[in-house]
N, C-alpha and C. Protein backbone atom coordinates (compact mmCIF):
# COMPACT_ATOMS: atom_id res chain seq x y z
N UNK A 1 -46.78 -26.26 -6.88
CA UNK A 1 -46.05 -25.33 -7.54
C UNK A 1 -45.36 -25.42 -8.25
N UNK A 2 -45.95 -24.80 -9.40
CA UNK A 2 -44.50 -24.89 -10.85
C UNK A 2 -43.30 -23.75 -10.73
N UNK A 3 -42.74 -23.34 -11.79
CA UNK A 3 -41.79 -22.88 -12.02
C UNK A 3 -41.93 -22.21 -12.14
N UNK A 4 -43.74 -21.61 -13.36
CA UNK A 4 -44.60 -20.33 -13.98
C UNK A 4 -44.81 -19.63 -13.18
N UNK A 5 -45.50 -19.52 -10.92
CA UNK A 5 -46.04 -19.44 -10.50
C UNK A 5 -45.24 -18.77 -9.57
N UNK A 6 -44.01 -18.76 -9.91
CA UNK A 6 -42.59 -18.00 -8.54
C UNK A 6 -42.57 -17.22 -9.36
N UNK A 7 -42.38 -17.54 -10.81
CA UNK A 7 -41.36 -15.72 -12.07
C UNK A 7 -43.01 -15.20 -12.06
N UNK A 8 -44.00 -15.38 -11.76
CA UNK A 8 -44.63 -14.19 -12.63
C UNK A 8 -45.10 -12.54 -11.65
N UNK A 9 -45.24 -13.51 -10.53
CA UNK A 9 -45.00 -12.15 -8.97
C UNK A 9 -43.98 -11.25 -9.65
N UNK A 10 -43.38 -11.86 -9.01
CA UNK A 10 -41.63 -10.98 -9.40
C UNK A 10 -41.50 -9.79 -10.85
N UNK A 11 -42.08 -10.89 -11.60
CA UNK A 11 -42.34 -9.77 -13.37
C UNK A 11 -43.46 -9.52 -12.83
N UNK A 12 -44.42 -9.20 -12.67
CA UNK A 12 -44.77 -8.48 -12.86
C UNK A 12 -44.59 -7.84 -11.68
N UNK A 13 -44.31 -7.69 -9.98
CA UNK A 13 -43.68 -6.16 -9.61
C UNK A 13 -42.72 -5.27 -10.21
N UNK A 14 -41.87 -6.89 -11.02
CA UNK A 14 -40.10 -5.54 -11.68
C UNK A 14 -41.48 -4.37 -13.05
N UNK A 15 -42.16 -5.13 -13.75
CA UNK A 15 -42.61 -4.47 -14.44
C UNK A 15 -44.01 -2.95 -13.31
N UNK A 16 -44.06 -3.02 -12.70
CA UNK A 16 -44.71 -2.09 -12.07
C UNK A 16 -44.01 -0.81 -11.72
N UNK A 17 -42.89 -1.55 -10.82
CA UNK A 17 -41.74 0.51 -10.22
C UNK A 17 -40.41 -0.18 -11.30
N UNK A 18 -40.06 -0.63 -12.12
CA UNK A 18 -39.50 0.23 -12.97
C UNK A 18 -38.99 1.75 -13.65
N UNK A 19 -40.00 2.24 -13.27
CA UNK A 19 -40.15 3.90 -13.52
C UNK A 19 -38.44 4.57 -12.11
N UNK A 20 -38.37 4.47 -11.19
CA UNK A 20 -37.66 5.09 -10.14
C UNK A 20 -36.29 3.67 -9.97
N UNK A 21 -36.17 2.76 -10.99
CA UNK A 21 -35.50 1.50 -10.44
C UNK A 21 -33.88 2.44 -10.45
N UNK A 22 -34.01 3.09 -11.75
CA UNK A 22 -32.71 3.67 -12.59
C UNK A 22 -31.67 4.27 -11.59
N UNK A 23 -32.57 4.99 -10.67
CA UNK A 23 -31.42 6.16 -9.46
C UNK A 23 -31.13 5.20 -8.55
N UNK A 24 -31.99 4.04 -8.10
CA UNK A 24 -30.75 3.13 -6.80
C UNK A 24 -29.70 2.35 -7.68
N UNK A 25 -29.81 2.17 -8.85
CA UNK A 25 -28.59 1.57 -9.08
C UNK A 25 -27.40 2.57 -10.07
N UNK A 26 -27.85 3.51 -9.81
CA UNK A 26 -27.30 4.05 -10.28
C UNK A 26 -26.14 5.03 -8.56
N UNK A 27 -26.75 4.65 -7.83
CA UNK A 27 -26.93 5.04 -6.00
C UNK A 27 -26.17 4.33 -5.56
N UNK A 28 -26.54 2.80 -6.07
CA UNK A 28 -25.49 1.28 -5.37
C UNK A 28 -24.38 1.72 -5.91
N UNK A 29 -24.02 2.38 -7.53
CA UNK A 29 -22.85 2.23 -7.90
C UNK A 29 -21.87 3.25 -7.50
N UNK A 30 -22.47 4.17 -7.61
CA UNK A 30 -21.60 5.60 -6.27
C UNK A 30 -20.96 5.33 -5.13
N UNK A 31 -21.66 4.80 -4.88
CA UNK A 31 -21.91 3.58 -3.08
C UNK A 31 -20.84 2.89 -4.16
N UNK A 32 -20.43 2.17 -4.61
CA UNK A 32 -19.22 1.09 -4.22
C UNK A 32 -17.99 1.81 -4.94
N UNK A 33 -18.27 2.37 -5.86
CA UNK A 33 -17.12 3.53 -6.13
C UNK A 33 -16.06 4.50 -4.92
N UNK A 34 -17.64 4.93 -4.02
CA UNK A 34 -16.38 5.47 -3.02
C UNK A 34 -16.22 4.97 -1.63
N UNK A 35 -16.98 2.71 -2.11
CA UNK A 35 -16.35 1.97 -1.38
C UNK A 35 -14.80 1.83 -1.60
N UNK A 36 -15.00 1.28 -2.97
CA UNK A 36 -13.75 1.09 -3.02
C UNK A 36 -12.86 2.54 -3.08
N UNK A 37 -13.03 3.73 -2.96
CA UNK A 37 -11.57 4.73 -3.14
C UNK A 37 -11.17 5.12 -2.10
N UNK A 38 -12.31 4.77 -0.98
CA UNK A 38 -11.13 5.50 0.78
C UNK A 38 -10.62 3.89 1.32
N UNK A 39 -10.79 2.37 0.35
CA UNK A 39 -10.24 1.61 1.15
C UNK A 39 -9.84 1.19 0.50
N UNK A 40 -8.96 1.64 -0.82
CA UNK A 40 -8.35 0.80 -1.46
C UNK A 40 -7.25 1.98 -2.05
N UNK A 41 -7.31 2.61 -2.60
CA UNK A 41 -7.19 4.12 -3.59
C UNK A 41 -6.49 4.60 -2.70
N UNK A 42 -7.21 5.48 -1.67
CA UNK A 42 -6.57 6.52 -1.07
C UNK A 42 -5.44 5.97 0.42
N UNK A 43 -6.09 5.20 0.14
CA UNK A 43 -4.52 5.02 1.95
C UNK A 43 -3.25 3.47 1.32
N UNK A 44 -3.21 3.77 -0.77
CA UNK A 44 -2.41 2.92 -0.87
C UNK A 44 -1.10 4.13 -2.13
N UNK A 45 -2.60 5.25 -1.84
CA UNK A 45 -0.92 6.46 -2.81
C UNK A 45 -0.48 7.06 -1.68
N UNK A 46 -1.11 7.99 0.12
CA UNK A 46 -0.21 7.49 0.88
C UNK A 46 1.10 6.81 1.34
N UNK A 47 0.35 5.81 1.29
CA UNK A 47 2.05 4.73 1.60
C UNK A 47 2.62 5.44 0.21
N UNK A 48 2.59 5.45 -0.53
CA UNK A 48 3.99 5.86 -1.28
C UNK A 48 4.26 6.95 -1.87
N UNK A 49 3.07 7.74 -1.18
CA UNK A 49 3.62 9.42 -0.63
C UNK A 49 4.53 9.14 0.73
N UNK A 50 4.46 8.40 1.47
CA UNK A 50 5.46 8.56 2.79
C UNK A 50 5.96 7.85 2.31
N UNK A 51 6.74 6.53 1.45
CA UNK A 51 7.43 5.40 0.76
C UNK A 51 8.60 6.54 -0.06
N UNK A 52 7.85 7.89 -0.78
CA UNK A 52 8.51 8.56 -1.87
C UNK A 52 9.56 9.57 -0.46
N UNK A 53 9.01 10.60 -0.07
CA UNK A 53 9.22 11.09 0.74
C UNK A 53 10.38 10.59 2.29
N UNK A 54 10.59 9.08 2.28
CA UNK A 54 11.11 8.40 3.66
C UNK A 54 12.71 7.92 2.18
N UNK A 55 12.85 7.51 1.32
CA UNK A 55 13.94 7.46 -0.08
C UNK A 55 14.13 9.26 -0.14
N UNK A 56 13.95 9.69 -0.57
CA UNK A 56 14.02 11.41 -0.24
C UNK A 56 14.89 11.68 0.26
N UNK A 57 14.40 11.01 1.66
CA UNK A 57 15.09 12.25 2.49
C UNK A 57 15.75 11.12 3.09
N UNK A 58 16.77 10.11 2.53
CA UNK A 58 17.40 9.04 3.21
C UNK A 58 19.19 10.29 3.29
N UNK A 59 20.33 9.33 4.24
CA UNK A 59 21.58 10.44 3.48
C UNK A 59 22.28 9.50 4.89
N UNK A 60 23.79 9.76 4.19
CA UNK A 60 24.56 8.59 4.71
C UNK A 60 24.40 9.16 6.34
N UNK A 61 25.15 7.79 7.75
CA UNK A 61 24.27 7.06 8.55
C UNK A 61 23.56 6.94 8.46
N UNK A 62 22.18 6.96 7.86
CA UNK A 62 20.52 6.91 8.66
C UNK A 62 21.47 4.49 8.64
N UNK A 63 20.60 4.07 9.44
CA UNK A 63 20.38 3.53 10.20
C UNK A 63 18.99 2.31 8.93
N UNK A 64 18.96 1.80 7.90
CA UNK A 64 17.48 1.66 7.10
C UNK A 64 17.44 -0.40 7.68
N UNK A 65 16.48 -0.74 7.26
CA UNK A 65 16.05 -1.71 6.55
C UNK A 65 15.40 -1.95 5.67
N UNK A 66 16.02 -2.71 5.05
CA UNK A 66 15.45 -3.49 3.05
C UNK A 66 13.98 -3.67 2.77
N UNK A 67 13.69 -3.95 1.92
CA UNK A 67 12.32 -4.97 1.62
C UNK A 67 13.04 -6.35 2.28
N UNK A 68 13.83 -6.72 1.88
CA UNK A 68 14.20 -7.65 2.15
C UNK A 68 14.46 -8.36 3.22
N UNK A 69 14.71 -7.59 4.33
CA UNK A 69 14.87 -7.11 5.88
C UNK A 69 16.06 -8.02 6.25
N UNK A 70 16.49 -6.84 4.99
CA UNK A 70 18.38 -6.68 5.65
C UNK A 70 18.86 -5.17 6.77
N UNK A 71 19.49 -5.21 7.41
CA UNK A 71 19.22 -3.79 8.48
C UNK A 71 20.46 -4.06 7.96
N UNK A 72 21.20 -2.06 7.86
CA UNK A 72 22.30 -1.98 7.67
C UNK A 72 22.58 -0.55 8.23
N UNK A 73 24.03 0.37 8.50
CA UNK A 73 24.10 2.06 7.55
C UNK A 73 24.62 1.58 6.67
N UNK A 74 23.33 3.44 6.42
CA UNK A 74 24.42 3.89 4.97
C UNK A 74 25.40 3.93 5.06
N UNK A 75 25.49 4.34 3.73
CA UNK A 75 27.58 4.67 3.61
C UNK A 75 28.14 6.08 2.78
N UNK A 76 26.75 6.00 1.27
CA UNK A 76 26.18 6.14 0.71
C UNK A 76 25.46 6.24 -0.20
N UNK A 77 25.76 8.01 -0.64
CA UNK A 77 23.63 8.27 -1.39
C UNK A 77 24.08 8.88 -2.35
N UNK A 78 23.69 7.86 -4.35
CA UNK A 78 23.75 7.54 -5.29
C UNK A 78 22.27 8.63 -5.81
N UNK A 79 21.81 8.21 -7.48
CA UNK A 79 20.71 8.64 -6.74
C UNK A 79 19.47 7.52 -7.66
N UNK A 80 20.09 6.42 -7.72
CA UNK A 80 19.01 5.74 -7.80
C UNK A 80 19.56 4.57 -6.74
N UNK A 81 20.74 4.30 -6.26
CA UNK A 81 21.56 2.93 -5.27
C UNK A 81 21.48 4.13 -3.65
N UNK A 82 21.82 2.97 -2.63
CA UNK A 82 22.01 3.30 -1.18
C UNK A 82 23.47 1.91 -1.70
N UNK A 83 24.27 2.46 -0.46
CA UNK A 83 25.42 1.27 -0.01
C UNK A 83 25.16 1.44 1.53
N UNK A 84 25.63 0.13 1.62
CA UNK A 84 24.68 -0.04 3.21
C UNK A 84 25.29 -1.04 3.36
N UNK A 85 25.85 -0.55 4.54
CA UNK A 85 26.76 -1.42 5.56
C UNK A 85 26.09 -2.90 6.43
N UNK A 86 26.53 -4.06 5.89
CA UNK A 86 25.73 -5.01 7.06
C UNK A 86 26.79 -5.04 7.69
N UNK A 87 27.49 -4.94 7.41
CA UNK A 87 29.01 -5.96 8.75
C UNK A 87 30.01 -5.18 8.79
N UNK A 88 30.92 -5.08 9.84
CA UNK A 88 32.35 -4.50 9.66
C UNK A 88 33.22 -5.29 8.19
N UNK A 89 33.24 -4.20 7.19
CA UNK A 89 33.95 -5.29 6.18
C UNK A 89 32.92 -5.24 5.15
N UNK A 90 31.95 -5.32 4.48
CA UNK A 90 30.65 -6.11 4.53
C UNK A 90 29.90 -5.16 3.30
N UNK A 91 30.32 -4.38 2.47
CA UNK A 91 28.87 -2.59 1.92
C UNK A 91 27.99 -4.44 0.60
N UNK A 92 26.41 -4.04 1.06
CA UNK A 92 25.99 -4.23 -0.42
C UNK A 92 25.52 -2.17 -1.23
N UNK A 93 24.72 -2.52 -1.83
CA UNK A 93 23.93 -1.78 -3.37
C UNK A 93 22.92 -2.32 -2.92
N UNK A 94 21.79 -1.26 -3.37
CA UNK A 94 20.57 -1.92 -3.15
C UNK A 94 19.74 -0.51 -3.87
N UNK A 95 19.03 -1.17 -4.29
CA UNK A 95 18.67 0.55 -5.08
C UNK A 95 17.34 1.41 -4.09
N UNK A 96 17.55 2.46 -4.30
CA UNK A 96 16.40 3.59 -2.92
C UNK A 96 15.63 3.25 -2.94
N UNK A 97 14.45 3.15 -3.72
CA UNK A 97 12.96 1.89 -3.95
C UNK A 97 12.48 0.87 -2.43
N UNK A 98 13.77 0.10 -3.19
CA UNK A 98 14.13 -1.41 -1.63
C UNK A 98 14.11 -0.84 -0.55
N UNK A 99 14.75 0.72 0.33
CA UNK A 99 14.62 1.05 1.56
C UNK A 99 13.75 0.77 2.20
N UNK A 100 12.75 -0.03 3.42
CA UNK A 100 11.55 0.01 3.08
C UNK A 100 11.45 0.65 4.99
N UNK A 101 12.32 1.36 5.44
CA UNK A 101 12.20 1.86 6.49
C UNK A 101 13.52 2.58 7.55
N UNK A 102 13.73 3.81 7.85
CA UNK A 102 14.41 4.06 8.47
C UNK A 102 14.46 3.47 10.30
N UNK A 103 15.57 2.95 10.73
CA UNK A 103 15.53 3.01 11.83
C UNK A 103 16.32 3.72 13.41
N UNK A 104 15.76 4.21 14.60
CA UNK A 104 16.30 4.86 15.41
C UNK A 104 18.29 5.07 15.85
N UNK A 105 18.73 6.02 14.94
CA UNK A 105 19.88 5.85 15.86
C UNK A 105 20.84 4.99 17.06
N UNK A 106 21.30 3.87 16.80
CA UNK A 106 21.81 2.48 17.84
C UNK A 106 20.56 2.10 18.42
N UNK A 107 20.36 1.82 17.04
CA UNK A 107 19.46 0.66 16.84
C UNK A 107 20.96 -0.92 16.55
N UNK A 108 21.23 -1.14 15.43
CA UNK A 108 22.27 -1.97 14.81
C UNK A 108 22.57 -1.31 15.82
N UNK A 109 23.39 -0.61 16.61
CA UNK A 109 24.65 -1.10 17.80
C UNK A 109 23.65 -2.40 18.85
N UNK A 110 22.46 -1.50 18.99
CA UNK A 110 22.26 -2.86 20.58
C UNK A 110 21.37 -3.79 19.71
N UNK A 111 21.97 -4.23 18.74
CA UNK A 111 21.57 -5.33 18.07
C UNK A 111 22.77 -6.29 17.53
N UNK A 112 23.29 -5.61 17.66
CA UNK A 112 25.61 -6.27 17.84
C UNK A 112 25.23 -6.85 19.40
N UNK A 113 24.65 -6.08 20.11
CA UNK A 113 25.05 -6.06 21.92
C UNK A 113 24.29 -7.93 22.25
N UNK A 114 23.53 -7.96 21.65
CA UNK A 114 22.83 -8.89 21.77
C UNK A 114 23.22 -10.28 21.88
C-alpha cells in the first residue's frame, strides 16, 4: 500500500461533498466564538464590574485586604488612593484598584486576638 492509495479516496470524497461544506465551517467558527465569549470574556467583564463597584464603595472604617494580602482598616479615602492602617501607628497608602476585598466588621479584631 502506498501513499497515493490513501490520499486518492480522501480527495474524491472532498470533491463530491464540496458544495455544502462551507456552512459547516461557519457553524464551527460561530460555535468557537460563542464558547470563547461565554467562557472567557463575559466572566471577566463581570468580575471587573464587581471590582469597580467595590472600589467605588470604599469608605473610612472599612476593613480590607489588598491584592498583596495585606489586611487593614481604611482611615482615609482619596480619589485614587486609600490609607490603610495595618498596625497601631502604621499606615500605608495603596491604590484603590489594589484593594482586593472588604472584610466583615470585626475581622481584624478577631485576628489580633489570636
